[in-house]
Protein backbone atom coordinates (compact mmCIF):
# COMPACT_ATOMS: atom_id res chain seq x y z
CA MET A 1 209.79 78.30 -3.66
CA GLY A 2 212.70 78.51 -1.64
CA PHE A 3 215.87 77.52 -3.43
CA LEU A 4 214.00 77.25 -6.65
CA SER A 5 213.40 81.19 -7.53
CA GLY A 6 214.50 84.40 -6.77
CA ARG A 7 217.75 85.28 -4.69
CA VAL A 8 219.19 82.55 -2.45
CA SER A 9 220.49 82.65 0.99
CA TYR A 10 221.93 79.61 2.91
CA VAL A 11 223.89 78.13 5.57
CA ARG A 12 225.61 74.89 4.89
CA TYR A 13 225.65 71.62 6.45
CA ARG A 14 227.20 68.02 6.18
CA VAL A 15 224.84 65.04 6.94
CA VAL A 16 226.72 62.51 9.12
CA GLY A 17 225.98 59.72 11.54
CA GLY A 18 224.81 56.94 9.37
CA GLU A 19 224.09 55.91 5.87
CA LEU A 20 221.88 58.07 3.52
CA PRO A 21 218.54 56.87 2.93
CA ALA A 22 217.15 56.53 -0.60
CA PHE A 23 215.17 59.50 -1.77
CA ASP A 24 212.05 57.71 -2.41
CA GLU A 25 208.27 57.75 -1.45
CA GLU A 26 209.29 56.11 1.67
CA LEU A 27 211.58 59.16 2.62
CA LEU A 28 208.49 61.54 1.72
CA GLU A 29 206.26 59.50 4.19
CA THR A 30 208.75 59.96 6.80
CA VAL A 31 208.56 63.60 6.23
CA ARG A 32 205.09 63.45 6.46
CA ARG A 33 204.83 62.05 9.89
CA HIS A 34 207.02 64.99 11.05
CA LEU A 35 204.74 67.81 9.35
CA ILE A 36 203.98 71.04 11.48
CA GLY A 37 201.37 70.00 13.74
CA ARG A 38 202.45 66.31 13.92
CA HIS A 39 205.85 66.66 14.99
CA GLY A 40 206.73 66.80 18.82
CA ALA A 41 204.00 67.84 21.67
CA ASP A 42 200.86 69.31 20.97
CA GLU A 43 201.51 72.22 23.19
CA ALA A 44 205.37 73.62 23.16
CA ALA A 45 206.42 74.62 26.53
CA ASP A 46 207.95 77.80 25.16
CA GLY A 47 205.18 78.81 22.59
CA VAL A 48 207.22 77.59 19.63
CA SER A 49 205.89 74.51 17.51
CA TYR A 50 207.96 73.47 14.50
CA GLY A 51 207.81 70.79 11.62
CA TRP A 52 208.16 70.24 8.07
CA ALA A 53 205.96 72.07 5.36
CA GLY A 54 205.55 71.86 1.76
CA GLY A 55 207.61 75.07 0.81
CA ASP A 56 205.48 76.58 -1.73
CA HIS A 57 204.01 79.02 1.09
CA VAL A 58 203.56 79.43 4.93
CA LEU A 59 200.35 77.33 4.69
CA ASP A 60 201.45 74.70 2.32
CA THR A 61 201.72 71.20 4.18
CA THR A 62 201.75 68.89 1.13
CA ILE A 63 204.61 66.54 0.51
CA GLU A 64 204.66 65.11 -2.88
CA ALA A 65 207.24 63.51 -5.13
CA GLU A 66 206.44 65.62 -8.00
CA LYS A 67 207.04 68.78 -6.06
CA ASN A 68 209.39 67.98 -3.36
CA LEU A 69 211.93 65.35 -4.67
CA PHE A 70 213.92 65.83 -8.01
CA ASP A 71 217.46 65.60 -9.43
CA ASP A 72 218.46 63.72 -6.26
CA VAL A 73 217.42 66.51 -3.92
CA LEU A 74 214.73 66.99 -1.40
CA HIS A 75 213.32 70.51 -1.25
CA LEU A 76 210.88 71.38 1.58
CA ALA A 77 210.85 73.90 4.24
CA MET A 78 210.54 73.90 8.14
CA ARG A 79 207.73 76.12 9.76
CA LEU A 80 207.66 77.63 12.89
CA ASP A 81 204.52 78.56 14.62
CA THR A 82 205.14 81.10 17.58
CA ASP A 83 202.25 81.59 19.89
CA LYS A 84 203.00 84.41 22.15
CA ILE A 85 201.02 87.06 23.71
CA PRO A 86 202.17 90.41 23.06
CA GLY A 87 203.91 91.94 25.95
CA SER A 88 202.42 95.50 25.35
CA LEU A 89 199.02 94.03 25.32
CA LEU A 90 199.45 92.11 28.54
CA ARG A 91 200.99 95.18 30.29
CA ALA A 92 197.95 97.19 29.15
CA TYR A 93 195.51 94.60 30.52
CA THR A 94 197.39 94.41 33.89
CA LYS A 95 197.23 98.40 33.89
CA ILE A 96 193.41 98.18 33.44
CA GLU A 97 192.76 95.47 36.08
CA ILE A 98 195.15 97.42 38.65
CA ASP A 99 193.32 100.71 37.96
CA ALA A 100 189.91 98.95 38.44
CA ARG A 101 191.02 97.65 41.87
CA ALA A 102 192.64 100.82 42.94
CA ARG A 103 189.48 102.91 42.52
CA MET A 104 187.62 100.63 44.85
CA ASN A 105 190.16 101.70 47.71
CA PRO A 106 189.94 104.78 49.81
CA SER A 107 193.49 105.70 49.19
CA GLY A 108 193.23 105.44 45.46
CA PHE A 109 196.01 102.77 45.03
CA ALA A 110 196.03 99.13 44.67
CA THR A 111 197.37 96.96 47.44
CA LYS A 112 199.92 94.36 46.82
CA SER A 113 197.66 91.43 46.71
CA GLN A 114 195.39 93.42 44.51
CA LYS A 115 198.36 93.97 41.82
CA GLN A 116 198.97 90.27 42.11
CA GLU A 117 195.12 89.42 41.55
CA ALA A 118 195.16 92.05 38.59
CA LYS A 119 198.31 90.36 36.88
CA GLU A 120 196.41 86.99 37.10
CA ALA A 121 193.32 88.14 35.72
CA ALA A 122 195.23 90.06 32.95
CA LEU A 123 196.70 86.78 31.85
CA VAL A 124 193.64 84.85 32.03
CA ARG A 125 192.08 87.23 29.77
CA ALA A 126 194.83 87.38 27.30
CA GLU A 127 195.05 83.42 27.33
CA ALA A 128 191.35 83.15 26.56
CA GLU A 129 191.81 85.55 23.29
CA ALA A 130 195.02 83.80 22.43
CA ALA A 131 193.05 80.47 22.17
CA ASP A 132 191.81 81.31 18.93
CA GLY A 133 195.19 81.94 17.37
CA ARG A 134 195.15 85.62 16.93
CA PHE A 135 198.57 85.99 18.17
CA LYS A 136 200.08 82.91 16.23
CA ARG A 137 202.98 83.97 14.08
CA LEU A 138 203.71 81.50 11.14
CA THR A 139 207.07 81.76 9.52
CA PHE A 140 208.92 79.08 7.37
CA SER A 141 212.69 78.51 5.94
CA PRO A 142 213.57 76.59 2.92
CA VAL A 143 215.63 73.64 3.24
CA LEU A 144 217.50 71.68 0.51
CA TRP A 145 219.05 68.10 1.07
CA ASP A 146 221.39 67.37 -1.69
CA ARG A 147 222.01 63.78 -1.71
CA ARG A 148 224.82 63.75 -4.34
CA ASP A 149 226.98 65.89 -2.41
CA ASN A 150 225.77 64.94 0.97
CA VAL A 151 224.83 68.42 2.19
CA VAL A 152 221.75 70.29 3.51
CA TYR A 153 221.37 73.95 2.71
CA ALA A 154 219.14 75.80 5.20
CA GLY A 155 217.71 79.24 4.19
CA ALA A 156 217.93 80.84 7.54
CA SER A 157 220.24 82.82 9.50
CA SER A 158 218.86 82.82 13.08
CA SER A 159 220.83 80.63 15.58
CA SER A 160 217.37 79.53 17.35
CA VAL A 161 215.85 78.45 13.90
CA LEU A 162 219.03 76.57 12.91
CA GLU A 163 219.21 74.80 16.25
CA ARG A 164 215.48 73.60 15.76
CA LEU A 165 216.25 72.53 12.40
CA MET A 166 219.36 70.23 13.50
CA THR A 167 216.91 68.71 16.10
CA LEU A 168 213.94 68.28 13.71
CA PHE A 169 216.40 66.43 11.11
CA ARG A 170 217.88 64.33 13.70
CA GLU A 171 214.29 63.27 14.83
CA THR A 172 212.98 62.76 11.46
CA PHE A 173 215.94 60.92 9.82
CA GLY A 174 218.31 59.80 12.67
CA LEU A 175 221.12 61.73 11.08
CA GLU A 176 222.90 64.58 12.16
CA LEU A 177 223.67 67.92 10.56
CA GLU A 178 227.35 69.27 11.10
CA PRO A 179 227.81 72.74 10.26
CA ILE A 180 230.35 73.54 7.47
CA THR A 181 232.13 76.53 8.46
CA ALA A 182 235.52 78.31 7.63
CA GLY A 183 237.20 76.30 10.14
CA SER A 184 235.79 72.85 9.58
CA LEU A 185 236.12 73.07 5.75
CA ALA A 186 239.95 73.96 6.04
CA GLN A 187 240.33 71.01 7.95
CA THR A 188 238.49 68.74 5.50
CA GLN A 189 240.06 70.19 2.37
CA ALA A 190 243.45 69.81 4.04
CA GLU A 191 242.83 65.88 4.68
CA ALA A 192 241.47 65.62 1.30
CA ARG A 193 244.82 66.90 0.02
CA GLY A 194 246.63 64.70 2.29
CA ASP A 195 248.45 67.63 3.85
CA LEU A 196 250.52 66.21 6.91
CA ARG A 197 250.18 69.32 9.06
CA SER A 198 246.80 69.82 10.53
CA VAL A 199 244.88 72.99 10.47
CA GLU A 200 244.90 72.77 14.24
CA GLU A 201 248.46 73.88 14.28
CA PHE A 202 247.87 77.19 12.69
CA GLY A 203 246.63 79.89 14.79
CA PRO A 204 245.45 83.56 14.01
CA ILE A 205 247.98 85.59 11.88
CA GLY A 206 248.81 89.07 12.96
CA PHE A 207 248.79 90.72 9.49
CA VAL A 208 249.83 94.17 11.05
CA ASP A 209 251.15 93.27 14.37
CA GLU A 210 253.10 89.92 14.55
CA ALA A 211 253.02 89.66 18.27
CA GLY A 212 249.68 88.17 20.28
CA ALA A 213 247.25 87.78 17.44
CA SER A 214 243.98 87.08 18.66
CA VAL A 215 240.31 87.02 17.17
CA ALA A 216 237.67 88.13 19.72
CA TRP A 217 234.76 86.27 17.88
CA THR A 218 236.08 82.81 18.09
CA GLU A 219 237.98 83.04 21.31
CA SER A 220 234.69 81.35 23.25
CA ASP A 221 235.76 78.07 21.23
CA SER A 222 239.34 77.12 21.68
CA ALA A 223 239.09 74.57 18.85
CA SER A 224 237.53 76.76 16.34
CA ARG A 225 239.55 77.70 13.09
CA ASP A 226 237.00 79.96 11.85
CA TYR A 227 239.01 83.09 11.76
CA TRP A 228 240.52 81.31 8.61
CA GLY A 229 237.49 82.86 6.74
CA ASN A 230 238.58 86.32 7.65
CA GLU A 231 242.09 85.52 6.70
CA PHE A 232 240.86 84.34 3.53
CA LEU A 233 238.92 87.44 2.62
CA LEU A 234 242.03 89.59 3.30
CA TRP A 235 244.18 87.45 1.25
CA LEU A 236 241.61 87.35 -1.50
CA TRP A 237 241.53 91.33 -1.19
CA HIS A 238 245.29 91.48 -1.64
CA THR A 239 245.55 88.96 -4.43
CA LEU A 240 242.91 90.74 -6.57
CA GLN A 241 244.49 94.22 -6.08
CA ILE A 242 248.03 93.03 -6.44
CA ASP A 243 247.99 89.96 -8.77
CA GLY A 244 244.94 90.56 -10.90
CA ASP A 245 241.29 89.51 -11.05
CA THR A 246 241.73 86.02 -11.89
CA ILE A 247 242.76 82.98 -9.71
CA ALA A 248 243.86 79.54 -10.91
CA LEU A 249 242.03 76.64 -9.30
CA SER A 250 243.27 73.17 -8.30
CA ASP A 251 241.06 71.58 -11.01
CA GLY A 252 242.60 73.46 -13.69
CA THR A 253 240.00 76.14 -14.25
CA GLU A 254 240.10 79.67 -13.51
CA CYS A 255 237.90 82.02 -11.69
CA THR A 256 237.46 85.64 -12.12
CA LEU A 257 236.14 87.63 -9.23
CA MET A 258 235.82 91.14 -7.51
CA LEU A 259 234.94 92.35 -4.20
CA ALA A 260 231.80 94.66 -4.77
CA LYS A 261 228.88 96.30 -3.27
CA THR A 262 229.28 95.54 0.31
CA LEU A 263 232.26 95.02 2.83
CA THR A 264 232.21 94.71 6.95
CA LEU A 265 235.37 94.95 8.64
CA ASP A 266 235.85 94.33 12.66
CA CYS A 267 238.60 94.65 15.18
CA PRO A 268 239.69 91.21 16.22
CA ARG A 269 240.79 92.24 19.64
CA GLY A 270 237.23 93.71 20.16
CA LEU A 271 238.72 97.03 20.91
CA HIS A 272 237.54 99.29 17.99
CA GLY A 273 234.12 99.64 16.23
CA ARG A 274 232.94 97.75 13.04
CA ASP A 275 233.11 99.39 9.62
CA GLN A 276 230.20 98.64 7.23
CA LEU A 277 230.79 100.05 3.69
CA THR A 278 228.06 99.90 0.93
CA THR A 279 229.31 100.95 -2.61
CA GLU A 280 230.05 99.56 -5.88
CA GLY A 281 233.77 99.03 -5.01
CA PRO A 282 234.18 99.12 -1.30
CA THR A 283 237.82 97.93 -1.15
CA LYS A 284 238.81 101.04 -3.25
CA LEU A 285 237.73 103.34 -0.42
CA PRO A 286 240.69 104.86 1.56
CA GLU A 287 238.61 104.26 4.80
CA ALA A 288 238.56 100.27 4.07
CA PHE A 289 242.38 100.10 3.58
CA ARG A 290 242.96 102.23 6.65
CA ALA A 291 240.82 99.87 8.50
CA LEU A 292 242.74 96.91 7.47
CA GLN A 293 245.97 99.01 8.49
CA ALA A 294 244.43 99.54 11.72
CA GLY A 295 244.37 95.64 12.18
CA LYS A 296 240.56 95.10 11.38
CA LEU A 297 239.59 91.99 9.48
CA PRO A 298 236.94 91.56 7.02
CA ARG A 299 233.77 89.66 8.39
CA LYS A 300 231.47 89.74 5.33
CA ALA A 301 232.13 90.94 1.83
CA GLY A 302 230.00 91.07 -1.31
CA LEU A 303 231.59 89.04 -4.49
CA ILE A 304 231.13 89.04 -8.35
CA VAL A 305 232.20 85.38 -9.25
CA VAL A 306 232.55 84.17 -12.90
CA ARG A 307 233.61 80.65 -13.67
CA HIS A 308 232.88 78.44 -16.60
CA ASP A 309 231.02 81.66 -18.33
CA GLN A 310 228.69 81.63 -15.35
CA GLN A 311 228.30 84.78 -13.24
CA TYR A 312 227.08 84.91 -9.69
CA GLU A 313 226.76 87.67 -7.26
CA LEU A 314 226.43 87.24 -3.51
CA THR A 315 227.46 88.11 -0.01
CA LEU A 316 229.70 85.87 1.84
CA SER A 317 230.07 85.82 5.82
CA ALA A 318 233.72 84.96 6.47
CA GLU A 319 233.34 82.62 9.63
CA SER A 320 230.23 80.72 8.64
CA LEU A 321 230.85 80.78 4.74
CA ALA A 322 227.20 81.55 4.71
CA VAL A 323 226.04 83.11 1.48
CA SER A 324 223.19 85.62 1.20
CA GLY A 325 221.52 87.53 -1.66
CA LEU A 326 222.80 84.88 -4.10
CA ALA A 327 221.71 85.79 -7.78
CA LEU A 328 222.16 82.42 -9.79
CA PRO A 329 222.55 83.03 -13.64
CA LYS A 330 219.45 83.10 -15.70
CA LEU A 331 219.52 80.01 -18.16
CA GLU A 332 217.54 79.36 -20.95
CA THR A 333 215.57 76.03 -20.15
CA ASP A 334 212.54 73.90 -21.40
CA GLY A 335 209.78 73.96 -18.82
CA LYS A 336 209.43 73.73 -15.27
CA GLU A 337 211.53 70.62 -14.68
CA GLY A 338 214.30 72.07 -16.78
CA ALA A 339 214.18 75.27 -14.68
CA ARG A 340 214.40 73.47 -11.52
CA THR A 341 217.33 71.46 -12.79
CA ALA A 342 219.22 74.33 -13.97
CA ARG A 343 218.86 76.17 -10.64
CA ILE A 344 220.33 73.29 -8.58
CA GLU A 345 223.07 72.86 -10.88
CA GLY A 346 223.73 76.45 -10.70
CA LEU A 347 223.76 76.18 -6.84
CA ARG A 348 226.21 73.10 -7.04
CA HIS A 349 228.51 75.05 -9.50
CA LEU A 350 228.52 77.99 -7.45
CA VAL A 351 229.35 76.03 -4.04
CA GLU A 352 232.06 74.17 -6.03
CA THR A 353 233.52 77.56 -7.22
CA LEU A 354 233.61 79.19 -3.73
CA ASP A 355 235.28 75.78 -2.16
CA LEU A 356 237.90 75.68 -4.99
CA LEU A 357 238.75 79.34 -4.00
CA TYR A 358 238.81 78.51 -0.32
CA ASP A 359 241.12 75.63 -1.10
CA ALA A 360 243.36 77.96 -3.08
CA TYR A 361 243.90 79.86 0.10
CA GLY A 362 244.19 76.77 2.28
CA ARG A 363 246.94 75.27 -0.12
CA LYS A 364 249.11 78.44 0.18
CA ARG A 365 248.53 78.88 4.01
CA ILE A 366 249.92 75.46 4.85
CA SER A 367 252.50 75.57 2.21
CA PRO A 368 256.21 76.60 2.69
CA GLU A 369 255.16 79.41 0.45
CA TRP A 370 253.16 81.22 2.89
CA THR A 371 256.00 82.88 4.71
CA GLY A 372 256.93 84.82 1.66
CA GLU A 373 253.10 85.52 0.74
CA LEU A 374 252.63 86.97 4.36
CA GLY A 375 255.54 89.15 3.88
CA ARG A 376 253.93 90.60 0.71
CA ILE A 377 250.74 91.12 2.33
CA ARG A 378 252.44 92.91 5.31
CA GLN A 379 254.47 94.99 2.86
CA TRP A 380 251.10 96.02 0.96
CA LEU A 381 249.47 96.94 4.29
CA SER A 382 252.46 98.98 5.21
CA GLN A 383 251.83 101.56 2.15
CA ALA A 384 250.10 104.72 2.55
CA ALA A 385 246.25 104.65 1.90
């Protein structure tokens, strides 16, 4: 069931726009009013209907306190029903109708008007068959709302699905979902630390070429500072290789980690191709370091993270800070309730750890020490691969 078993993938949102409701039966009743089949118009103009679901499986539409509400979290799913006639089938029906009309003509070819008639007849036939739901495709994405941390986790990666989730959340609860990305989190953490200099003042870093640094994938939004996530992964790579695999965190704890299994690098100027490396130690490959020396930045990296003797494996996307394939530690617990609580606490602990790691970079990035740190990174990159 979503975040409660198996590997976890998520993007994270902050809940804004009003006071958080109590997590009680009244909240569940609000959800029930927006279940799939009840939310929105009966017939979606684009053939896609969406609404809440129970989360156990794609046909589960039961919302119950015992199942969906526990440990100050609401766990459910958003279901999407896509009712779309397959294009290949519609083309086949159209061809059959055109051929039938063509045979009635001495020329053996259908006229322009007959072709139009054929298209209309094919559509009528396909829509008649679609009426019984044979072309309907049902999918669902798990959603977890953690009231304690005022955060929503969405187990989806498609932008169209996430846009519908934001709409559904607003229309259900009267609250907004604000994406937590590398740029927005950097600003939030800087404000929490009381840093006088705003993240907005810090443009992209030219790690190899100091002049004219730019990041193609964030240029469409001039206010975005999501390239901080790319720089964070590069800084992490350098720190682990030069200073060791343990990083001190601002809460007094330490985190041990390594880059493992997967690594994606891309050219920030959009001039060269993307490198996707899959191996136990991708940063040890000569081609990975050469990609950095060519000016490419990490877009995604596999991590093994250990803090408080808890180990996590995951893949982190730089700009969105989305996590995929997260393996939570398996803990000995008593019963179903204990197992659910352990999963939620494991997720919270992992998120806290990643945020503290990111904060370690943010503190360094804004501090007077950054000039020296950047010099060390540039010197490292100037070495032979």
